[in-house]
Amino acid sequence: MNKRADRIKEEISIESVLQGYGYDVYEGGGEQQFRCDLHGDGQDNAPSARVYPQTSSWFCFACGKSRDAISTVLEKEGLSFSESCTLLEKKYGLSGWVQTRKKDLYVEENTDKNPNTIEIENLAKRTHQILKDKTTKREIELSTAIKLWEAFDLIKSLDLQSSKHWYTLLKKIP
C-alpha cells in the first residue's frame, strides 16, 4: 500500500466512514455488525458485515469481500482510487497530496501548499532545466540564461497565469 492510503487508514476511522454512508454500525455480541448493501439486490435482511477497527477494515460475509475506507468510497461513489483518497481527505480535513515526477516515476507527496504554489514551483524547476540545457548546448549565453531566470523569479511572484505565459514563451526561444 502507498503512504497516502496508509495515512488515510491511520487517521480516518472506518466506523466514521461507514456511518457517513448511513450504515447502522452497532455492537452485537462483542463485534460491530451492520447490514451491507453492496451485494445482490442491495438488500441485507440480517447484518452480514463486521467491522474490524484494529485493521481499519470491514468484511461482508455475503459479498465475501474485505474493504477499507478507500475501497468503500470507491464502490459507493464509483470513483477511482485517487479520487476516493481526495474525497476522504477533503471530507475529514486531511491535507492533500500531490503527484510529482521523479526520474520518470510519479510519487505522491504530502503537502499543505496551495495547488497554485505547487504548479509555480514545478514551472520553476522546468524553467531551470530548460535554461541549463540551453546553456550547456550553447544555444544561449550564460548571461542571457541568468537574465531569463531573474525575469522568471520576478514573474512567478505575480500569479500562476503570468508564470505559465512566461514559461510558454521561454519554450519558444530557439
Protein backbone atom coordinates (compact mmCIF):
# COMPACT_ATOMS: atom_id res chain seq x y z
CA MET A 1 0.00 0.00 0.00
CA ASN A 2 1.22 3.55 -0.54
CA LYS A 3 1.88 6.27 2.02
CA ARG A 4 -1.29 8.16 1.15
CA ALA A 5 -3.52 5.13 1.73
CA ASP A 6 -1.67 4.22 4.94
CA ARG A 7 -2.22 7.74 6.25
CA ILE A 8 -5.94 7.62 5.47
CA LYS A 9 -6.27 4.26 7.22
CA GLU A 10 -4.44 5.62 10.28
CA GLU A 11 -6.24 8.95 10.57
CA ILE A 12 -9.81 8.19 9.49
CA SER A 13 -11.75 5.60 11.46
CA ILE A 14 -13.57 3.02 9.40
CA GLU A 15 -16.59 3.42 11.66
CA SER A 16 -16.93 7.12 10.80
CA VAL A 17 -16.71 6.37 7.07
CA LEU A 18 -19.39 3.68 7.38
CA GLN A 19 -21.64 5.89 9.49
CA GLY A 20 -21.14 8.68 6.93
CA TYR A 21 -22.74 6.38 4.35
CA GLY A 22 -25.65 5.65 6.66
CA TYR A 23 -24.58 2.20 7.77
CA ASP A 24 -26.04 1.41 11.15
CA VAL A 25 -22.93 0.09 12.83
CA TYR A 26 -23.86 -1.34 16.21
CA GLU A 27 -22.39 -3.54 18.91
CA GLY A 28 -23.59 -7.11 18.58
CA GLY A 29 -22.08 -9.97 20.56
CA GLY A 30 -18.83 -8.07 21.10
CA GLU A 31 -18.41 -7.26 17.42
CA GLN A 32 -19.62 -4.30 15.41
CA GLN A 33 -22.00 -5.55 12.77
CA PHE A 34 -24.14 -3.88 10.11
CA ARG A 35 -26.18 -4.54 7.00
CA CYS A 36 -24.19 -4.34 3.74
CA ASP A 37 -25.88 -3.01 0.59
CA LEU A 38 -23.01 -3.76 -1.81
CA HIS A 39 -24.08 -7.26 -2.81
CA GLY A 40 -27.04 -8.83 -4.57
CA ASP A 41 -30.00 -6.51 -4.90
CA GLY A 42 -28.68 -4.12 -2.26
CA GLN A 43 -30.89 -5.59 0.46
CA ASP A 44 -29.45 -7.30 3.51
CA ASN A 45 -32.07 -8.83 5.80
CA ALA A 46 -29.60 -9.62 8.56
CA PRO A 47 -26.31 -7.93 9.41
CA SER A 48 -23.78 -9.69 7.18
CA ALA A 49 -20.82 -7.36 7.65
CA ARG A 50 -18.41 -6.92 10.54
CA VAL A 51 -16.13 -4.00 11.34
CA TYR A 52 -12.54 -4.61 12.39
CA PRO A 53 -11.33 -1.27 13.84
CA GLN A 54 -7.87 -2.65 14.65
CA THR A 55 -7.22 -3.09 10.90
CA SER A 56 -9.42 -0.17 9.75
CA SER A 57 -11.43 -2.54 7.62
CA TRP A 58 -14.68 -4.45 7.36
CA PHE A 59 -15.71 -7.75 5.86
CA CYS A 60 -19.04 -8.74 4.34
CA PHE A 61 -19.71 -12.45 4.57
CA ALA A 62 -22.39 -12.24 1.88
CA CYS A 63 -20.10 -10.40 -0.58
CA GLY A 64 -17.07 -12.34 0.51
CA LYS A 65 -15.05 -9.10 0.34
CA SER A 66 -12.91 -7.16 2.73
CA ARG A 67 -12.93 -3.38 2.36
CA ASP A 68 -11.23 -0.36 3.89
CA ALA A 69 -12.26 3.30 3.83
CA ILE A 70 -10.86 3.91 0.34
CA SER A 71 -12.41 0.83 -1.28
CA THR A 72 -15.73 1.66 0.40
CA VAL A 73 -15.75 5.14 -1.14
CA LEU A 74 -14.55 3.70 -4.45
CA GLU A 75 -17.50 1.29 -4.60
CA LYS A 76 -20.15 3.60 -3.15
CA GLU A 77 -19.24 6.63 -5.31
CA GLY A 78 -17.87 4.90 -8.44
CA LEU A 79 -14.63 6.88 -8.19
CA SER A 80 -11.02 5.98 -8.96
CA PHE A 81 -8.54 5.19 -6.19
CA SER A 82 -7.02 8.68 -6.32
CA GLU A 83 -10.43 10.40 -6.44
CA SER A 84 -11.58 8.30 -3.45
CA CYS A 85 -8.50 9.36 -1.48
CA THR A 86 -9.09 13.02 -2.36
CA LEU A 87 -12.74 12.82 -1.31
CA LEU A 88 -11.80 11.29 2.06
CA GLU A 89 -9.03 13.85 2.61
CA LYS A 90 -11.41 16.74 1.95
CA LYS A 91 -14.29 15.31 3.96
CA TYR A 92 -12.16 14.53 7.02
CA GLY A 93 -9.88 17.59 6.83
CA LEU A 94 -6.58 15.93 5.91
CA SER A 95 -4.08 17.96 3.95
CA GLY A 96 -3.85 16.95 0.31
CA TRP A 97 -1.24 15.03 -1.64
CA VAL A 98 0.25 15.85 -5.00
CA GLN A 99 1.97 13.75 -7.62
CA THR A 100 5.44 14.84 -8.56
CA ARG A 101 7.66 13.38 -11.21
CA LYS A 102 10.97 11.93 -10.03
CA LYS A 103 13.12 10.05 -12.53
CA ASP A 104 10.16 9.02 -14.70
CA LEU A 105 8.14 7.85 -11.69
CA TYR A 106 5.18 9.67 -10.21
CA VAL A 107 5.47 9.83 -6.45
CA GLU A 108 2.78 11.04 -4.10
CA GLU A 109 3.97 13.55 -1.53
CA ASN A 110 2.12 15.18 1.31
CA THR A 111 1.75 18.91 1.04
CA ASP A 112 -0.10 21.68 2.77
CA LYS A 113 0.73 24.07 -0.08
CA ASN A 114 -1.75 25.82 -2.29
CA PRO A 115 -2.03 23.98 -5.67
CA ASN A 116 -1.08 27.21 -7.49
CA THR A 117 2.12 27.44 -5.43
CA ILE A 118 2.96 23.85 -6.32
CA GLU A 119 2.38 24.49 -10.01
CA ILE A 120 4.57 27.60 -9.94
CA GLU A 121 7.32 25.60 -8.19
CA ASN A 122 7.07 22.93 -10.88
CA LEU A 123 7.29 25.61 -13.58
CA ALA A 124 10.39 26.98 -11.84
CA LYS A 125 12.03 23.53 -11.89
CA ARG A 126 11.24 23.06 -15.58
CA THR A 127 12.45 26.61 -16.34
CA HIS A 128 15.71 25.90 -14.56
CA GLN A 129 16.17 22.68 -16.58
CA ILE A 130 15.45 24.42 -19.91
CA LEU A 131 17.90 27.24 -19.14
CA LYS A 132 20.53 24.74 -18.00
CA ASP A 133 20.09 22.66 -21.18
CA LYS A 134 20.21 25.69 -23.49
CA THR A 135 23.34 26.98 -21.75
CA THR A 136 25.04 23.57 -21.86
CA LYS A 137 24.25 23.19 -25.56
CA ARG A 138 25.49 26.76 -26.07
CA GLU A 139 22.15 27.76 -27.54
CA ILE A 140 22.15 30.83 -25.28
CA GLU A 141 24.85 32.64 -23.36
CA LEU A 142 25.14 32.17 -19.59
CA SER A 143 24.46 35.87 -19.04
CA THR A 144 21.22 35.56 -21.05
CA ALA A 145 20.18 32.50 -19.04
CA ILE A 146 20.77 34.39 -15.80
CA LYS A 147 18.68 37.35 -17.02
CA LEU A 148 15.86 34.99 -18.08
CA TRP A 149 15.98 33.26 -14.70
CA GLU A 150 15.82 36.62 -12.89
CA ALA A 151 12.85 37.60 -15.06
CA PHE A 152 11.07 34.37 -14.15
CA ASP A 153 11.78 34.98 -10.46
CA LEU A 154 10.01 38.34 -10.73
CA ILE A 155 7.09 36.99 -12.77
CA LYS A 156 6.40 33.98 -10.53
CA SER A 157 5.70 36.35 -7.66
CA LEU A 158 2.77 37.81 -9.62
CA ASP A 159 0.46 34.86 -10.27
CA LEU A 160 0.14 31.44 -11.87
CA GLN A 161 -1.17 32.73 -15.22
CA SER A 162 1.79 35.07 -15.68
CA SER A 163 4.18 32.25 -14.80
CA LYS A 164 2.55 29.89 -17.29
CA HIS A 165 2.65 32.54 -20.02
CA TRP A 166 6.32 33.27 -19.36
CA TYR A 167 7.17 29.55 -19.40
CA THR A 168 5.37 29.14 -22.77
CA LEU A 169 7.43 32.00 -24.20
CA LEU A 170 10.63 30.51 -22.81
CA LYS A 171 9.99 27.22 -24.57
CA LYS A 172 9.71 29.10 -27.89
CA ILE A 173 13.23 30.54 -27.65
CA PRO A 174 15.21 28.91 -30.48
